[in-house]
Amino acid sequence: MEKSLRKIFWVFLVLAIALGFRFGLEYLFNIVWEFFDLSSVFGFVVRSSIVIIFALVWLSITLRSDKPYQRLPWLLLLTFEPVAGMTLFLTFGRSFKRSRRFRKRPLMRQSNYITRENKRFDAFKDLSEANQKYASIFNTAHKLSYHRPYQSSTKTKVLKNGEAFFPSFLEAIKDAKSFIFVQFYIFRSDALGREVTEKLMQKAREGVDVKGMFDGLGSATASRKYLRKMRESGIDLVLNDKIYFPLFNTRVNYRNHRKIVVVDGRIGFTGGMNLANEYDNRKKRGYYFRDTMIRLEGTAVKSLTAIFLKDYYYNTNTFLDLDKYYPEARTYSEGVVQIIQSGPDSEEAHIRDLYLKMIFSAKKSIKIMTPYMAMDQETLTALKVAVKSGIDVEIIIPGVPDKQLVYMITQSFVSSLLDYGVKIYKYNRGFCHSKVIMIDDELASVGTYNLDNRSAFLSFEVSTLTTTKSALETLNTHFQEDLQDSTLITLDTWRKRNVFMRFLENLLAIMSPII
């Protein structure tokens, strides 16, 4: 499992440089003060420069359109440690939309990259009477990211864990005739990663158009020699936003967290899984890894194609709009399937906003499985209101953490939700990485979106909405099975935790908008 070690290293490297600069500056000032008469002039120039930069950064943060709780951590850092705070903000806090790489990609703006989906859609008119119940939600999703819902034309199959996903994935690769798109946040050149990519290389040698995209940070530990081998085989391989040096580089903070597979424009996969051993529960001495993917077959796959090609355009400045990437792929299945994407290239938090609407639409139950839980105030309030409205809200979080720091933040939000009557379970069998939400057992979302600020505002994400009966039945069955492997957290037990740990968790929660 990806431990974010490289990112943690870069965070501490930036912090060390900032503190080193500060103490070095003071040391230099003392030397000048001791040996030169210009010390007063030097000191005035240096201190005035720092004050001016500090004021500009402070104003930049204060005038941002973010919510107050998103600005607060940066302002606290600036107050307690100005030099380190300014360095961290200029590295991690600047807007993606103001970055040069985004400004040089005009086709990313206002969803101009989507050329094969009709933007004019009204679910109240265009969906059949049988699919009208959640028309308002489908309309909202369409207006947020312009990917339309598809009714009765896309089959869905929920895949539990790598044991189900990877055989289905490899079978789809084997049958590919025209093209294969593969996009993952994490790729490791371990046994499973090589098993999958060897099949992709074989297809590329056979003349199939194979394009791969791995995130430069999530896949930082992959063998460069092996990546070169993949390119030499004919795979068009792209590393998203490679990082050469982290200082004052916004690439560190804004990452592509999507997982997308498209085969011949007819079959697609998305969900929480990556290409690494632990996702198939084959890592030695590793703990049990619980995850969910969804397989699509039919017209909704073209939305995954469009998102992949947008990300490809972002990384290569090449916009692909070929007919072969959008074949007619209709298959019959009852229900509606819709893809929604979000990322820091948009003004709104698309998936977060849609989740809010889904939560407020619930009448009986809300079921959630999430690996990370660092909610913004809007999501937290929506769940609290749901419970007060008599809706049964159940959330499964990991019993085994993958990142201790992030897990402590998750636990800080448990306290607040328990106070309002939300039922929270710890998954005892291992680490649950599934990103699933179900409303009244009639509408579900499966994708890459975590219930945290990073997924809402900082990372590129994708999710599948569906009302197909088969998918919902499977998801509900899996959820009930997962509850059997989980322990309900009681309020009395939770309040008896170590006082120091509770203090540390709540302190970290203040920083959750930027972690």
Protein backbone atom coordinates (compact mmCIF):
# COMPACT_ATOMS: atom_id res chain seq x y z
CA MET A 1 0.00 0.00 0.00
CA GLU A 2 1.21 3.45 -0.84
CA LYS A 3 2.64 5.00 2.31
CA SER A 4 3.26 8.50 0.92
CA LEU A 5 6.84 8.23 2.16
CA ARG A 6 8.18 10.27 -0.72
CA LYS A 7 5.61 13.00 -0.14
CA ILE A 8 6.37 13.03 3.59
CA PHE A 9 10.07 13.31 2.74
CA TRP A 10 9.37 16.30 0.48
CA VAL A 11 7.23 18.00 3.13
CA PHE A 12 10.02 17.70 5.67
CA LEU A 13 12.59 18.74 3.06
CA VAL A 14 10.66 21.94 2.33
CA LEU A 15 10.26 22.57 6.05
CA ALA A 16 13.97 21.96 6.66
CA ILE A 17 14.92 24.36 3.86
CA ALA A 18 12.59 27.00 5.29
CA LEU A 19 13.96 26.67 8.80
CA GLY A 20 17.53 26.47 7.46
CA PHE A 21 16.95 29.68 5.53
CA ARG A 22 15.62 31.40 8.61
CA PHE A 23 18.46 30.38 10.94
CA GLY A 24 21.03 30.96 8.20
CA LEU A 25 19.67 34.46 7.70
CA GLU A 26 19.93 35.20 11.40
CA TYR A 27 23.47 33.80 11.48
CA LEU A 28 24.47 35.92 8.47
CA PHE A 29 22.91 38.98 10.05
CA ASN A 30 24.91 38.44 13.23
CA ILE A 31 28.15 38.15 11.23
CA VAL A 32 27.42 41.34 9.31
CA TRP A 33 26.45 43.08 12.55
CA GLU A 34 29.75 42.04 14.14
CA PHE A 35 32.18 42.99 11.36
CA PHE A 36 30.57 45.60 9.10
CA ASP A 37 29.15 49.07 9.55
CA LEU A 38 26.39 48.37 7.01
CA SER A 39 24.68 46.00 9.43
CA SER A 40 21.85 48.43 10.17
CA VAL A 41 21.15 48.94 6.46
CA PHE A 42 21.42 45.23 5.79
CA GLY A 43 19.12 44.40 8.68
CA PHE A 44 16.57 46.99 7.61
CA VAL A 45 16.50 45.67 4.01
CA VAL A 46 16.20 42.03 5.07
CA ARG A 47 13.56 42.57 7.72
CA SER A 48 11.56 44.91 5.48
CA SER A 49 11.66 42.35 2.65
CA ILE A 50 10.40 39.58 4.93
CA VAL A 51 7.62 41.79 6.27
CA ILE A 52 6.53 42.74 2.74
CA ILE A 53 6.51 39.12 1.57
CA PHE A 54 4.71 38.09 4.73
CA ALA A 55 2.05 40.77 4.20
CA LEU A 56 1.55 39.76 0.56
CA VAL A 57 1.16 36.09 1.47
CA TRP A 58 -1.20 36.97 4.33
CA LEU A 59 -3.35 39.10 2.02
CA SER A 60 -3.30 36.38 -0.63
CA ILE A 61 -4.64 33.85 1.86
CA THR A 62 -7.18 36.22 3.41
CA LEU A 63 -8.62 37.29 0.05
CA ARG A 64 -8.94 33.75 -1.33
CA SER A 65 -12.41 32.44 -2.07
CA ASP A 66 -11.86 29.38 0.15
CA LYS A 67 -14.05 28.68 3.13
CA PRO A 68 -12.75 30.24 6.39
CA TYR A 69 -11.81 26.82 7.82
CA GLN A 70 -9.63 26.21 4.74
CA ARG A 71 -7.72 29.45 5.27
CA LEU A 72 -7.33 29.09 9.05
CA PRO A 73 -4.49 26.49 9.08
CA TRP A 74 -2.33 28.61 6.78
CA LEU A 75 -2.93 31.74 8.85
CA LEU A 76 -2.00 29.84 12.02
CA LEU A 77 1.22 28.59 10.43
CA LEU A 78 2.11 32.11 9.33
CA THR A 79 1.44 33.46 12.81
CA PHE A 80 3.54 30.92 14.73
CA GLU A 81 6.39 30.49 12.22
CA PRO A 82 6.34 33.15 9.45
CA VAL A 83 9.31 31.95 7.36
CA ALA A 84 8.37 28.26 7.43
CA GLY A 85 4.68 29.17 7.01
CA MET A 86 5.38 31.27 3.92
CA THR A 87 7.59 28.56 2.41
CA LEU A 88 4.98 25.84 3.02
CA PHE A 89 2.17 27.99 1.64
CA LEU A 90 4.08 28.92 -1.51
CA THR A 91 4.79 25.21 -2.03
CA PHE A 92 1.51 23.56 -1.01
CA GLY A 93 -1.10 26.30 -0.74
CA ARG A 94 -1.15 28.11 -4.07
CA SER A 95 -4.08 27.65 -6.44
CA PHE A 96 -3.85 25.03 -9.18
CA LYS A 97 -5.92 27.21 -11.51
CA ARG A 98 -3.29 29.93 -11.33
CA SER A 99 -0.47 27.57 -12.24
CA ARG A 100 1.22 28.04 -15.61
CA ARG A 101 0.60 24.42 -16.66
CA PHE A 102 -3.16 24.87 -16.21
CA ARG A 103 -3.27 28.24 -17.98
CA LYS A 104 -1.52 26.66 -20.98
CA ARG A 105 -4.32 24.05 -21.31
CA PRO A 106 -7.41 25.99 -22.48
CA LEU A 107 -9.32 22.83 -23.42
CA MET A 108 -9.50 21.87 -19.74
CA ARG A 109 -11.66 24.87 -18.94
CA GLN A 110 -15.44 24.69 -18.80
CA SER A 111 -15.32 21.06 -19.90
CA ASN A 112 -14.37 21.97 -23.48
CA TYR A 113 -12.55 18.65 -23.72
CA ILE A 114 -15.85 16.72 -23.79
CA THR A 115 -16.77 16.52 -27.47
CA ARG A 116 -18.76 13.29 -27.75
CA GLU A 117 -21.40 13.80 -25.06
CA ASN A 118 -24.48 15.97 -25.45
CA LYS A 119 -24.29 18.82 -22.94
CA ARG A 120 -27.97 19.58 -23.40
CA PHE A 121 -29.72 17.12 -21.16
CA ASP A 122 -32.72 17.30 -18.84
CA ALA A 123 -33.27 14.20 -16.75
CA PHE A 124 -36.89 15.16 -16.07
CA LYS A 125 -37.59 15.03 -19.81
CA ASP A 126 -35.04 12.60 -21.20
CA LEU A 127 -35.21 9.82 -18.60
CA SER A 128 -38.06 7.33 -18.64
CA GLU A 129 -40.72 7.40 -15.95
CA ALA A 130 -39.13 4.37 -14.26
CA ASN A 131 -35.87 6.32 -13.80
CA GLN A 132 -37.36 9.62 -12.64
CA LYS A 133 -36.95 9.17 -8.87
CA TYR A 134 -33.41 10.53 -8.81
CA ALA A 135 -33.71 12.79 -11.85
CA SER A 136 -32.78 15.83 -9.77
CA ILE A 137 -29.52 14.19 -8.67
CA PHE A 138 -28.64 13.14 -12.22
CA ASN A 139 -29.34 16.66 -13.46
CA THR A 140 -27.10 18.08 -10.76
CA ALA A 141 -24.27 15.71 -11.68
CA HIS A 142 -24.68 16.62 -15.35
CA LYS A 143 -24.56 20.35 -14.68
CA LEU A 144 -21.52 19.95 -12.46
CA SER A 145 -19.29 18.06 -14.88
CA TYR A 146 -21.33 17.67 -18.11
CA HIS A 147 -21.20 13.88 -18.20
CA ARG A 148 -24.75 12.81 -18.93
CA PRO A 149 -26.58 9.85 -17.34
CA TYR A 150 -27.19 6.81 -19.53
CA GLN A 151 -30.31 4.74 -18.99
CA SER A 152 -30.89 1.09 -19.89
CA SER A 153 -27.67 0.98 -21.94
CA THR A 154 -24.84 0.11 -19.55
CA LYS A 155 -24.28 -3.10 -17.65
CA THR A 156 -22.62 -2.88 -14.24
CA LYS A 157 -20.79 -5.45 -12.13
CA VAL A 158 -19.39 -4.75 -8.68
CA LEU A 159 -16.01 -6.40 -8.06
CA LYS A 160 -14.93 -7.10 -4.49
CA ASN A 161 -11.19 -6.89 -3.92
CA GLY A 162 -8.33 -7.62 -6.25
CA GLU A 163 -9.24 -11.29 -6.31
CA ALA A 164 -12.27 -10.34 -8.45
CA PHE A 165 -10.95 -7.23 -10.19
CA PHE A 166 -7.64 -8.36 -11.62
CA PRO A 167 -8.91 -11.51 -13.38
CA SER A 168 -11.71 -9.45 -14.95
CA PHE A 169 -9.21 -6.72 -15.88
CA LEU A 170 -6.78 -9.21 -17.46
CA GLU A 171 -9.61 -10.89 -19.38
CA ALA A 172 -10.63 -7.52 -20.84
CA ILE A 173 -7.01 -6.85 -21.88
CA LYS A 174 -6.79 -10.26 -23.52
CA ASP A 175 -9.88 -9.56 -25.65
CA ALA A 176 -8.85 -6.01 -26.67
CA LYS A 177 -8.86 -5.36 -30.41
CA SER A 178 -8.50 -1.59 -30.90
CA PHE A 179 -7.20 0.31 -27.86
CA ILE A 180 -6.61 0.14 -24.11
CA PHE A 181 -6.47 3.11 -21.73
CA VAL A 182 -5.04 2.46 -18.26
CA GLN A 183 -4.81 5.10 -15.54
CA PHE A 184 -3.83 4.52 -11.90
CA TYR A 185 -2.57 6.67 -9.06
CA ILE A 186 -0.13 3.99 -7.90
CA PHE A 187 1.89 1.66 -10.09
CA ARG A 188 4.62 -0.48 -8.61
CA SER A 189 6.90 -2.70 -10.62
CA ASP A 190 6.26 -5.59 -8.24
CA ALA A 191 4.83 -9.01 -9.10
CA LEU A 192 1.26 -7.84 -9.72
CA GLY A 193 2.27 -4.63 -11.47
CA ARG A 194 4.51 -6.59 -13.84
CA GLU A 195 1.88 -9.26 -14.42
CA VAL A 196 -0.62 -6.67 -15.66
CA THR A 197 1.83 -4.55 -17.62
CA GLU A 198 3.39 -7.58 -19.33
CA LYS A 199 -0.07 -8.26 -20.80
CA LEU A 200 -0.31 -4.62 -21.86
CA MET A 201 3.12 -4.76 -23.50
CA GLN A 202 2.11 -7.92 -25.35
CA LYS A 203 -0.98 -6.15 -26.70
CA ALA A 204 1.09 -3.13 -27.73
CA ARG A 205 3.42 -5.39 -29.71
CA GLU A 206 0.38 -6.89 -31.44
CA GLY A 207 -0.58 -3.44 -32.71
CA VAL A 208 -3.22 -2.47 -30.14
CA ASP A 209 -3.15 1.23 -29.20
CA VAL A 210 -2.13 1.13 -25.52
CA LYS A 211 -1.89 4.31 -23.46
CA GLY A 212 -0.96 4.34 -19.80
CA MET A 213 -1.01 7.09 -17.21
CA PHE A 214 0.43 6.76 -13.71
CA ASP A 215 0.73 9.56 -11.18
CA GLY A 216 4.27 10.82 -10.78
CA LEU A 217 4.04 10.90 -6.99
CA GLY A 218 1.94 7.80 -6.37
CA SER A 219 4.18 5.78 -8.70
CA ALA A 220 7.48 7.35 -7.60
CA THR A 221 8.92 4.01 -6.44
CA ALA A 222 8.36 2.25 -9.78
CA SER A 223 11.52 1.06 -11.53
CA ARG A 224 12.61 3.60 -14.15
CA LYS A 225 14.21 0.77 -16.09
CA TYR A 226 10.91 -1.08 -16.19
CA LEU A 227 9.00 2.04 -17.25
CA ARG A 228 11.50 2.42 -20.10
CA LYS A 229 10.83 -1.18 -21.08
CA MET A 230 7.11 -0.44 -21.24
CA ARG A 231 7.69 2.51 -23.57
CA GLU A 232 10.03 0.47 -25.77
CA SER A 233 7.31 -2.16 -26.18
CA GLY A 234 5.05 0.45 -27.79
CA ILE A 235 3.01 1.63 -24.82
CA ASP A 236 2.35 5.38 -24.86
CA LEU A 237 3.22 5.89 -21.19
CA VAL A 238 2.75 9.18 -19.32
CA LEU A 239 3.71 10.05 -15.74
CA ASN A 240 1.35 12.69 -14.42
CA ASP A 241 3.12 15.79 -13.04
CA LYS A 242 6.55 14.38 -12.26
CA ILE A 243 8.28 16.21 -9.41
CA TYR A 244 11.97 16.99 -9.72
CA PHE A 245 12.25 19.40 -6.79
CA PRO A 246 9.42 20.23 -4.38
CA LEU A 247 10.26 23.76 -3.22
CA PHE A 248 7.65 26.30 -4.41
CA ASN A 249 6.21 23.59 -6.67
CA THR A 250 2.41 23.17 -6.55
CA ARG A 251 2.72 19.78 -8.27
CA VAL A 252 3.43 18.24 -4.85
CA ASN A 253 -0.06 19.04 -3.58
CA TYR A 254 -2.33 18.51 -6.60
CA ARG A 255 -2.28 14.89 -7.69
CA ASN A 256 -4.29 12.70 -10.06
CA HIS A 257 -5.98 10.11 -7.86
CA ARG A 258 -8.19 8.61 -10.60
CA LYS A 259 -8.30 4.94 -11.53
CA ILE A 260 -9.68 4.37 -15.02
CA VAL A 261 -9.50 1.48 -17.44
CA VAL A 262 -11.12 1.63 -20.91
CA VAL A 263 -10.93 -1.28 -23.36
CA ASP A 264 -12.10 -0.69 -26.95
CA GLY A 265 -14.53 1.98 -25.71
CA ARG A 266 -16.90 -0.81 -24.64
CA ILE A 267 -15.63 -1.98 -21.26
CA GLY A 268 -14.53 0.27 -18.42
CA PHE A 269 -13.42 -0.05 -14.81
CA THR A 270 -13.14 2.46 -11.98
CA GLY A 271 -12.97 2.34 -8.20
CA GLY A 272 -10.36 2.33 -5.47
CA MET A 273 -7.74 -0.13 -6.68
CA ASN A 274 -4.19 0.45 -7.89
CA LEU A 275 -1.50 -1.72 -9.52
CA ALA A 276 0.48 -3.08 -6.58
CA ASN A 277 0.73 -6.38 -4.72
CA GLU A 278 -1.22 -5.38 -1.62
CA TYR A 279 -4.31 -4.61 -3.69
CA ASP A 280 -4.51 -8.30 -4.53
CA ASN A 281 -3.82 -9.44 -0.95
CA ARG A 282 -0.62 -11.11 -2.09
CA LYS A 283 1.88 -8.95 -0.21
CA LYS A 284 3.86 -11.02 2.29
CA ARG A 285 3.17 -10.20 5.93
CA GLY A 286 0.62 -7.67 4.76
CA TYR A 287 -2.84 -7.28 6.24
CA TYR A 288 -6.12 -7.98 4.51
CA PHE A 289 -6.99 -5.31 1.94
CA ARG A 290 -10.68 -4.57 1.28
CA ASP A 291 -11.53 -2.59 -1.86
CA THR A 292 -14.25 -2.14 -4.49
CA MET A 293 -14.19 -1.66 -8.26
CA ILE A 294 -17.06 -1.44 -10.71
CA ARG A 295 -17.04 -2.85 -14.23
CA LEU A 296 -19.06 -1.01 -16.88
CA GLU A 297 -20.05 -2.28 -20.29
CA GLY A 298 -21.98 0.04 -22.60
CA THR A 299 -22.54 3.69 -23.40
CA ALA A 300 -21.41 5.20 -20.06
CA VAL A 301 -17.86 4.05 -20.85
CA LYS A 302 -17.49 7.02 -23.22
CA SER A 303 -17.47 9.30 -20.14
CA LEU A 304 -14.45 7.45 -18.76
CA THR A 305 -12.83 7.80 -22.19
CA ALA A 306 -13.39 11.56 -22.17
CA ILE A 307 -11.90 11.95 -18.69
CA PHE A 308 -8.85 9.87 -19.60
CA LEU A 309 -8.27 11.91 -22.76
CA LYS A 310 -8.59 15.15 -20.80
CA ASP A 311 -5.89 13.99 -18.39
CA TYR A 312 -3.79 12.84 -21.35
CA TYR A 313 -4.15 16.29 -22.91
CA TYR A 314 -3.15 17.94 -19.63
CA ASN A 315 0.08 15.94 -19.50
CA THR A 316 1.03 15.96 -23.19
CA ASN A 317 -0.70 19.05 -24.65
CA THR A 318 -2.11 16.69 -27.30
CA PHE A 319 -5.90 16.51 -27.62
CA LEU A 320 -7.12 13.23 -29.09
CA ASP A 321 -10.57 13.17 -30.67
CA LEU A 322 -10.64 10.08 -32.86
CA ASP A 323 -13.80 8.22 -33.86
CA LYS A 324 -12.31 4.88 -32.81
CA TYR A 325 -12.22 6.03 -29.18
CA TYR A 326 -16.01 6.53 -29.11
CA PRO A 327 -17.65 3.46 -30.72
CA GLU A 328 -21.33 2.64 -30.34
CA ALA A 329 -21.36 0.34 -27.34
CA ARG A 330 -24.98 0.06 -26.19
CA THR A 331 -25.89 -2.95 -24.03
CA TYR A 332 -29.22 -3.43 -22.32
CA SER A 333 -29.50 -3.10 -18.56
CA GLU A 334 -32.18 -1.60 -16.34
CA GLY A 335 -31.33 1.52 -14.40
CA VAL A 336 -29.15 4.59 -14.86
CA VAL A 337 -25.34 4.91 -14.90
CA GLN A 338 -23.52 8.24 -14.81
CA ILE A 339 -19.87 9.24 -14.41
CA ILE A 340 -18.89 12.36 -12.48
CA GLN A 341 -15.39 13.80 -12.16
CA SER A 342 -13.88 16.52 -10.01
CA GLY A 343 -10.54 18.19 -9.50
CA PRO A 344 -8.70 21.41 -8.63
CA ASP A 345 -9.17 22.55 -12.25
CA SER A 346 -12.82 23.32 -11.37
CA GLU A 347 -14.23 26.12 -9.25
CA GLU A 348 -16.61 23.72 -7.48
CA ALA A 349 -16.00 20.50 -5.58
CA HIS A 350 -18.17 18.47 -7.96
CA ILE A 351 -18.29 15.09 -6.23
CA ARG A 352 -18.50 16.64 -2.77
CA ASP A 353 -21.44 18.80 -3.87
CA LEU A 354 -23.18 15.80 -5.40
CA TYR A 355 -22.68 13.78 -2.21
CA LEU A 356 -24.36 16.57 -0.26
CA LYS A 357 -27.38 16.40 -2.53
CA MET A 358 -27.46 12.61 -2.24
CA ILE A 359 -27.31 12.76 1.56
CA PHE A 360 -30.12 15.32 1.73
CA SER A 361 -32.24 13.17 -0.62
CA ALA A 362 -32.08 10.13 1.69
CA LYS A 363 -35.35 8.94 3.24
CA LYS A 364 -34.34 5.77 5.11
CA SER A 365 -30.64 4.96 5.13
CA ILE A 366 -27.13 6.11 4.22
CA LYS A 367 -24.34 3.53 4.06
CA ILE A 368 -20.73 4.63 3.64
CA MET A 369 -17.39 2.89 3.48
CA THR A 370 -14.35 5.17 3.40
CA PRO A 371 -10.65 4.73 4.24
CA TYR A 372 -10.16 8.37 5.26
CA MET A 373 -12.58 10.69 7.01
CA ALA A 374 -11.60 14.35 7.33
CA MET A 375 -14.85 15.98 6.30
CA ASP A 376 -15.45 19.61 5.53
CA GLN A 377 -18.13 21.37 7.56
CA GLU A 378 -20.75 20.99 4.83
CA THR A 379 -20.51 17.18 4.71
CA LEU A 380 -20.34 16.91 8.47
CA THR A 381 -23.48 19.01 8.85
CA ALA A 382 -25.34 17.07 6.16
CA LEU A 383 -24.76 13.77 7.98
CA LYS A 384 -25.78 15.25 11.30
CA VAL A 385 -29.00 16.64 9.82
CA ALA A 386 -29.70 13.24 8.24
CA VAL A 387 -29.47 11.49 11.62
CA LYS A 388 -31.67 14.11 13.27
CA SER A 389 -34.20 13.47 10.50
CA GLY A 390 -34.50 9.85 11.54
CA ILE A 391 -32.27 8.43 8.80
CA ASP A 392 -30.06 5.47 9.68
CA VAL A 393 -26.45 6.50 8.92
CA GLU A 394 -23.76 3.80 9.02
CA ILE A 395 -20.09 4.38 8.25
CA ILE A 396 -17.33 1.75 8.08
CA ILE A 397 -13.77 3.01 8.60
CA PRO A 398 -10.52 1.01 8.76
CA GLY A 399 -9.64 -0.93 11.87
CA VAL A 400 -6.06 -1.05 10.61
CA PRO A 401 -4.59 2.26 9.37
CA ASP A 402 -2.26 2.69 6.41
CA LYS A 403 -1.13 6.20 7.40
CA GLN A 404 -1.10 6.80 11.14
CA LEU A 405 -1.21 10.60 10.88
CA VAL A 406 -4.26 10.59 8.60
CA TYR A 407 -5.88 7.90 10.74
CA MET A 408 -5.64 10.14 13.78
CA ILE A 409 -7.52 12.83 11.88
CA THR A 410 -10.17 10.25 10.92
CA GLN A 411 -10.58 9.38 14.60
CA SER A 412 -11.04 13.03 15.54
CA PHE A 413 -14.11 13.16 13.31
CA VAL A 414 -15.51 9.98 14.85
CA SER A 415 -16.15 11.82 18.13
CA SER A 416 -18.25 14.52 16.53
CA LEU A 417 -20.35 12.06 14.51
CA LEU A 418 -20.95 9.73 17.46
CA ASP A 419 -22.34 12.63 19.46
CA TYR A 420 -25.11 12.99 16.87
CA GLY A 421 -25.97 9.30 16.64
CA VAL A 422 -24.08 8.24 13.51
CA LYS A 423 -23.20 4.54 13.68
CA ILE A 424 -19.49 4.09 13.01
CA TYR A 425 -17.84 0.69 12.65
CA LYS A 426 -14.17 -0.27 12.64
CA TYR A 427 -13.31 -2.89 10.02
CA ASN A 428 -11.40 -5.47 12.05
CA ARG A 429 -10.29 -7.76 9.26
CA GLY A 430 -7.79 -5.26 7.83
CA PHE A 431 -7.69 -2.01 5.91
CA CYS A 432 -10.84 -0.99 4.02
CA HIS A 433 -9.98 1.14 0.99
CA SER A 434 -13.45 1.08 -0.63
CA LYS A 435 -15.02 4.42 -1.49
CA VAL A 436 -18.75 3.65 -1.52
CA ILE A 437 -21.91 5.51 -0.55
CA MET A 438 -25.46 4.10 -0.83
CA ILE A 439 -28.69 6.03 -0.44
CA ASP A 440 -31.80 4.05 0.59
CA ASP A 441 -30.29 0.98 -1.15
CA GLU A 442 -31.52 2.55 -4.42
CA LEU A 443 -28.67 4.85 -5.49
CA ALA A 444 -24.96 4.25 -5.10
CA SER A 445 -21.62 5.85 -5.88
CA VAL A 446 -18.45 3.81 -6.38
CA GLY A 447 -15.18 5.51 -7.24
CA THR A 448 -11.95 7.08 -6.04
CA TYR A 449 -13.44 9.78 -3.79
CA ASN A 450 -12.58 9.73 -0.08
CA LEU A 451 -14.57 11.66 2.51
CA ASP A 452 -11.81 14.18 3.09
CA ASN A 453 -10.74 17.63 2.05
CA ARG A 454 -8.00 16.33 -0.25
CA SER A 455 -10.45 14.41 -2.43
CA ALA A 456 -12.92 17.30 -2.36
CA PHE A 457 -10.57 20.11 -3.37
CA LEU A 458 -7.00 18.99 -4.09
CA SER A 459 -7.04 15.72 -6.06
CA PHE A 460 -8.45 14.69 -9.42
CA GLU A 461 -11.18 12.12 -8.73
CA VAL A 462 -13.85 10.10 -10.57
CA SER A 463 -16.94 8.23 -9.43
CA THR A 464 -19.79 6.16 -10.89
CA LEU A 465 -23.42 6.79 -9.95
CA THR A 466 -25.79 3.92 -10.54
CA THR A 467 -29.34 2.76 -9.85
CA THR A 468 -28.88 -0.63 -11.52
CA LYS A 469 -30.50 -3.29 -9.35
CA SER A 470 -27.74 -5.88 -9.69
CA ALA A 471 -25.01 -3.45 -8.59
CA LEU A 472 -27.03 -2.21 -5.60
CA GLU A 473 -27.87 -5.73 -4.45
CA THR A 474 -24.20 -6.71 -4.61
CA LEU A 475 -23.04 -3.56 -2.81
CA ASN A 476 -25.59 -4.07 -0.06
CA THR A 477 -24.59 -7.72 0.34
CA HIS A 478 -20.93 -6.72 0.58
CA PHE A 479 -21.76 -4.00 3.11
CA GLN A 480 -23.62 -6.45 5.35
CA GLU A 481 -20.70 -8.88 5.12
CA ASP A 482 -18.30 -6.07 6.04
CA LEU A 483 -20.44 -5.19 9.06
CA GLN A 484 -20.00 -8.75 10.28
CA ASP A 485 -16.24 -8.17 10.16
CA SER A 486 -16.53 -4.85 11.98
CA THR A 487 -17.05 -3.58 15.53
CA LEU A 488 -19.53 -0.84 16.39
CA ILE A 489 -17.85 2.07 18.19
CA THR A 490 -19.84 3.08 21.27
CA LEU A 491 -19.80 6.62 22.60
CA ASP A 492 -18.89 5.55 26.16
CA THR A 493 -15.93 3.49 24.99
CA TRP A 494 -14.73 6.22 22.67
CA ARG A 495 -14.77 8.85 25.41
CA LYS A 496 -12.50 6.68 27.57
CA ARG A 497 -9.60 6.90 25.13
CA ASN A 498 -6.24 8.30 26.20
CA VAL A 499 -6.56 12.03 26.91
CA PHE A 500 -3.28 12.87 25.20
CA MET A 501 -4.30 11.02 22.02
CA ARG A 502 -7.64 12.82 21.99
CA PHE A 503 -5.84 16.15 22.32
CA LEU A 504 -3.42 15.28 19.51
CA GLU A 505 -6.23 14.08 17.22
CA ASN A 506 -8.20 17.29 17.70
CA LEU A 507 -5.08 19.37 17.16
CA LEU A 508 -4.43 17.58 13.86
CA ALA A 509 -8.08 18.03 12.88
CA ILE A 510 -7.48 21.77 12.74
CA MET A 511 -4.92 21.11 10.00
CA SER A 512 -7.15 18.65 8.09
CA PRO A 513 -8.08 21.14 5.32
CA ILE A 514 -4.46 21.23 4.13
CA ILE A 515 -3.23 17.69 4.91
